[in-house]
Protein backbone atom coordinates (compact mmCIF):
# COMPACT_ATOMS: atom_id res chain seq x y z
CA MET A 1 36.78 -48.69 -38.38
CA ARG A 2 37.46 -49.58 -34.75
CA ILE A 3 34.85 -47.03 -33.61
CA LEU A 4 32.24 -48.55 -35.90
CA ILE A 5 32.90 -52.04 -34.57
CA ILE A 6 32.66 -50.89 -30.95
CA SER A 7 29.41 -49.04 -31.67
CA ALA A 8 27.92 -52.12 -33.35
CA LEU A 9 28.87 -54.34 -30.39
CA ALA A 10 27.30 -51.84 -27.98
CA VAL A 11 24.04 -51.90 -29.90
CA LEU A 12 24.01 -55.69 -30.05
CA SER A 13 24.77 -56.05 -26.34
CA THR A 14 21.98 -53.69 -25.26
CA GLY A 15 19.28 -54.43 -27.82
CA CYS A 16 19.63 -58.01 -29.06
CA SER A 17 16.02 -58.79 -28.30
CA TRP A 18 14.86 -55.75 -30.26
CA ILE A 19 17.04 -56.56 -33.26
CA LEU A 20 16.22 -60.30 -33.32
CA GLY A 21 12.49 -59.80 -32.75
CA ASP A 22 12.37 -61.66 -29.38
CA ASN A 23 11.45 -58.84 -27.06
CA GLN A 24 9.82 -60.25 -23.90
CA ALA A 25 9.77 -57.00 -21.95
CA LEU A 26 5.93 -56.79 -21.93
CA SER A 27 5.13 -60.49 -21.74
CA TYR A 28 4.07 -60.17 -18.10
CA LEU A 29 0.95 -58.31 -19.22
CA SER A 30 -0.48 -61.47 -20.78
CA ALA A 31 0.86 -63.95 -18.20
CA GLU A 32 -1.64 -66.28 -16.50
CA GLU A 33 -1.59 -67.43 -12.91
CA ALA A 34 0.28 -70.73 -12.62
CA ALA A 35 -0.89 -73.71 -10.55
CA GLU A 36 0.40 -74.09 -7.04
CA THR A 37 3.64 -75.97 -6.61
CA ARG A 38 3.05 -79.64 -5.73
CA VAL A 39 5.25 -81.12 -3.08
CA PRO A 40 6.05 -84.87 -3.29
CA GLU A 41 4.52 -87.03 -0.62
CA GLY A 42 6.60 -87.24 2.52
CA MET A 43 8.22 -83.83 1.98
CA THR A 44 7.22 -80.67 3.82
CA LEU A 45 7.83 -77.28 2.24
CA ASN A 46 7.81 -74.42 4.71
CA THR A 47 6.24 -71.41 2.92
CA TYR A 48 4.58 -68.19 3.96
CA ASP A 49 2.87 -65.31 2.22
CA ARG A 50 5.44 -62.51 2.17
CA PHE A 51 2.93 -59.85 1.12
CA PRO A 52 -0.48 -60.88 2.42
CA VAL A 53 -3.54 -58.99 1.16
CA PRO A 54 -6.32 -58.75 3.77
CA GLU A 55 -9.84 -59.69 2.82
CA LEU A 56 -12.08 -56.61 2.75
CA GLU A 57 -15.83 -56.36 2.31
CA GLY A 58 -16.74 -53.78 -0.30
CA ASN A 59 -14.68 -50.62 -0.78
CA PRO A 60 -14.05 -48.78 2.51
CA GLY A 61 -12.43 -45.82 0.72
CA PRO A 62 -9.23 -44.03 1.64
CA GLY A 63 -10.33 -43.15 5.17
CA ASP A 64 -10.26 -39.84 7.01
CA GLU A 65 -6.47 -39.73 7.20
CA PHE A 66 -6.25 -39.39 3.41
CA ARG A 67 -8.64 -36.48 3.01
CA ILE A 68 -7.09 -33.38 1.48
CA PRO A 69 -7.57 -30.37 3.77
CA VAL A 70 -9.60 -27.56 2.25
CA PRO A 71 -8.00 -24.09 2.68
CA ASP A 72 -9.98 -21.32 4.28
CA ALA A 73 -11.74 -18.90 2.00
CA LEU A 74 -9.59 -15.97 0.90
CA ALA A 75 -10.58 -12.82 2.71
CA LEU A 76 -10.37 -9.79 0.42
CA THR A 77 -9.81 -6.37 1.88
CA GLU A 78 -10.71 -3.31 -0.12
CA GLN A 79 -7.82 -1.00 -0.87
CA PRO A 80 -8.47 2.73 -1.13
CA SER A 81 -8.62 3.67 -4.78
CA GLU A 82 -6.32 6.33 -6.18
CA PRO A 83 -7.91 9.61 -7.24
CA THR A 84 -8.90 9.91 -10.84
CA SER A 85 -10.15 13.47 -11.21
CA LEU A 86 -7.87 16.26 -12.41
CA SER A 87 -8.49 18.30 -9.27
CA ASP A 88 -7.39 15.39 -7.09
CA PHE A 89 -4.19 15.10 -9.10
CA LYS A 90 -3.33 18.74 -8.42
CA ARG A 91 -4.19 18.57 -4.73
CA GLU A 92 -2.39 15.35 -3.85
CA LEU A 93 0.78 15.38 -5.99
CA ASN A 94 2.30 18.44 -4.28
CA PRO A 95 5.62 18.44 -6.22
CA ARG A 96 8.49 20.13 -4.34
CA PHE A 97 12.27 20.20 -4.27
CA VAL A 98 14.05 18.30 -1.50
CA ARG A 99 17.52 16.89 -0.97
CA ASP A 100 18.12 13.25 -0.13
CA GLY A 101 20.51 11.96 2.52
CA ALA A 102 23.48 12.43 0.19
CA GLY A 103 22.53 16.02 -0.61
CA THR A 104 21.28 15.26 -4.13
CA LEU A 105 18.59 17.57 -5.50
CA THR A 106 15.36 15.64 -6.13
CA LEU A 107 11.71 16.37 -6.86
CA LEU A 108 9.35 14.78 -4.31
CA ILE A 109 5.80 13.93 -5.42
CA ASP A 110 3.13 12.84 -2.94
CA ALA A 111 1.58 10.00 -4.93
CA ARG A 112 1.87 6.30 -5.48
CA PHE A 113 4.18 5.08 -8.19
CA ALA A 114 1.49 4.26 -10.78
CA LEU A 115 -0.14 7.69 -10.55
CA ALA A 116 3.15 9.60 -10.44
CA TRP A 117 4.56 7.63 -13.38
CA ALA A 118 1.64 8.60 -15.63
CA ARG A 119 1.62 12.25 -14.54
CA VAL A 120 5.37 12.71 -15.02
CA ALA A 121 5.15 11.12 -18.48
CA ASP A 122 2.39 13.60 -19.39
CA ALA A 123 4.44 16.46 -17.97
CA LEU A 124 7.51 15.53 -20.03
CA THR A 125 5.38 15.30 -23.17
CA ALA A 126 4.11 18.83 -22.58
CA THR A 127 7.67 20.26 -22.47
CA ASP A 128 10.25 20.67 -25.22
CA VAL A 129 12.26 17.78 -23.79
CA ARG A 130 12.61 14.84 -26.17
CA MET A 131 11.75 11.51 -24.53
CA THR A 132 13.25 8.63 -26.56
CA ASP A 133 12.01 5.75 -24.41
CA LEU A 134 10.64 4.82 -20.99
CA ASN A 135 10.77 1.69 -18.86
CA ARG A 136 8.30 1.50 -16.00
CA SER A 137 9.78 -1.72 -14.58
CA ILE A 138 12.99 0.14 -13.68
CA GLY A 139 11.32 3.54 -13.20
CA THR A 140 13.32 5.33 -15.90
CA TYR A 141 12.51 7.90 -18.58
CA PHE A 142 15.17 8.12 -21.30
CA LEU A 143 15.69 11.70 -22.48
CA GLU A 144 17.79 13.75 -24.87
CA LEU A 145 18.87 17.19 -23.63
CA PRO A 146 20.87 19.93 -25.38
CA ASN A 147 24.62 19.64 -24.98
CA PRO A 148 25.98 22.86 -23.37
CA ALA A 149 29.33 22.30 -25.06
CA ALA A 150 27.64 22.46 -28.48
CA ALA A 151 25.99 25.78 -27.66
CA GLU A 152 29.31 27.24 -26.50
CA ASP A 153 31.28 25.96 -29.49
CA ASP A 154 32.84 29.05 -31.11
CA ARG A 155 35.26 27.25 -33.40
CA SER A 156 35.57 28.28 -37.01
CA TRP A 157 34.14 26.23 -39.86
CA TRP A 158 37.54 24.63 -40.47
CA GLY A 159 37.98 23.98 -36.77
CA ARG A 160 34.68 22.16 -36.61
CA LEU A 161 35.47 20.24 -39.79
CA TRP A 162 38.84 18.93 -38.62
CA GLY A 163 38.29 19.03 -34.87
CA GLU A 164 36.48 16.68 -32.52
CA LYS A 165 32.77 16.36 -33.17
CA ILE A 166 30.49 17.72 -30.46
CA ASP A 167 27.06 16.11 -30.32
CA PRO A 168 24.21 18.67 -30.18
CA VAL A 169 22.26 16.53 -27.66
CA LEU A 170 23.26 14.07 -24.94
CA PRO A 171 21.33 11.13 -23.46
CA TYR A 172 20.05 11.38 -19.87
CA GLN A 173 17.93 9.27 -17.56
CA LEU A 174 15.17 10.64 -15.35
CA LYS A 175 14.91 8.14 -12.50
CA MET A 176 11.79 7.63 -10.34
CA VAL A 177 12.15 5.85 -7.00
CA GLU A 178 9.25 5.09 -4.65
CA ALA A 179 9.87 5.60 -0.94
CA GLY A 180 7.32 5.90 1.84
CA GLU A 181 4.16 7.65 0.66
CA GLY A 182 5.72 9.30 -2.39
CA VAL A 183 8.22 9.11 -5.22
CA TYR A 184 11.51 10.91 -5.84
CA LEU A 185 12.76 12.12 -9.23
CA THR A 186 16.41 12.72 -10.02
CA LEU A 187 18.36 13.22 -13.24
CA LEU A 188 21.28 10.98 -14.22
CA ALA A 189 23.88 11.37 -16.94
CA ASP A 190 24.08 7.58 -17.05
CA ALA A 191 23.13 4.67 -14.81
CA GLU A 192 25.80 5.57 -12.22
CA THR A 193 26.47 9.31 -12.66
CA LEU A 194 24.37 12.23 -11.46
CA ALA A 195 23.73 15.07 -13.88
CA ALA A 196 24.93 18.59 -13.11
CA GLU A 197 22.74 20.27 -10.49
CA ASP A 198 21.83 23.29 -12.61
CA LEU A 199 20.66 21.00 -15.41
CA THR A 200 18.77 18.83 -12.92
CA ARG A 201 17.01 21.86 -11.42
CA ASP A 202 16.06 23.17 -14.85
CA LEU A 203 14.51 19.87 -15.98
CA LEU A 204 12.74 19.15 -12.69
CA SER A 205 11.37 22.71 -12.68
CA GLN A 206 9.77 22.08 -16.07
CA VAL A 207 8.20 18.85 -14.79
CA LYS A 208 7.03 20.57 -11.60
CA ASN A 209 5.42 23.44 -13.50
CA GLN A 210 3.52 21.06 -15.78
CA ILE A 211 2.24 18.98 -12.86
CA GLU A 212 1.00 22.09 -11.04
CA LYS A 213 -1.00 23.32 -14.02
């Protein structure tokens, strides 16, 4: 009850004119200029115009100091276009194995990111590797590769039934990074872990062979 009373008083104190229908907030829009104040005879009233408005003839405009500067025309420079023929792809990609500064095995491709991204995607499609997704913005192909542990599982039927399940495939990420005049490919087990080197070499070899065809 106390809260309701306080709320009602707050409304009345801030909006009495709205509630009672005597809102004079916009009355100035229809106000007329009043006559000058008359001073009784014998009395002097010292006044001055606090904000005088100068008399101007016509409309002089904003003047030069208010002109908005016009920017210079944009100069466009032609960029060399990337090759589009199949023969150019073979000649310029030049896929080869190199090791980065940390000694990680990578596949170097002499091409810009856009061209290399499309060619590697085509190469993966031509292999038996299953690509589940790809994200160009982060330069990653999401793959599924056979799990070596599943191929080497020699447990009996009962051992497999009651033992720990071994997934037949595992998720991997093929990462593409642009550096200098080319791109580097490396295989990751997850976002922070490199895949085994023998598995990396096997996958990158398949990609390399497809690009060179």
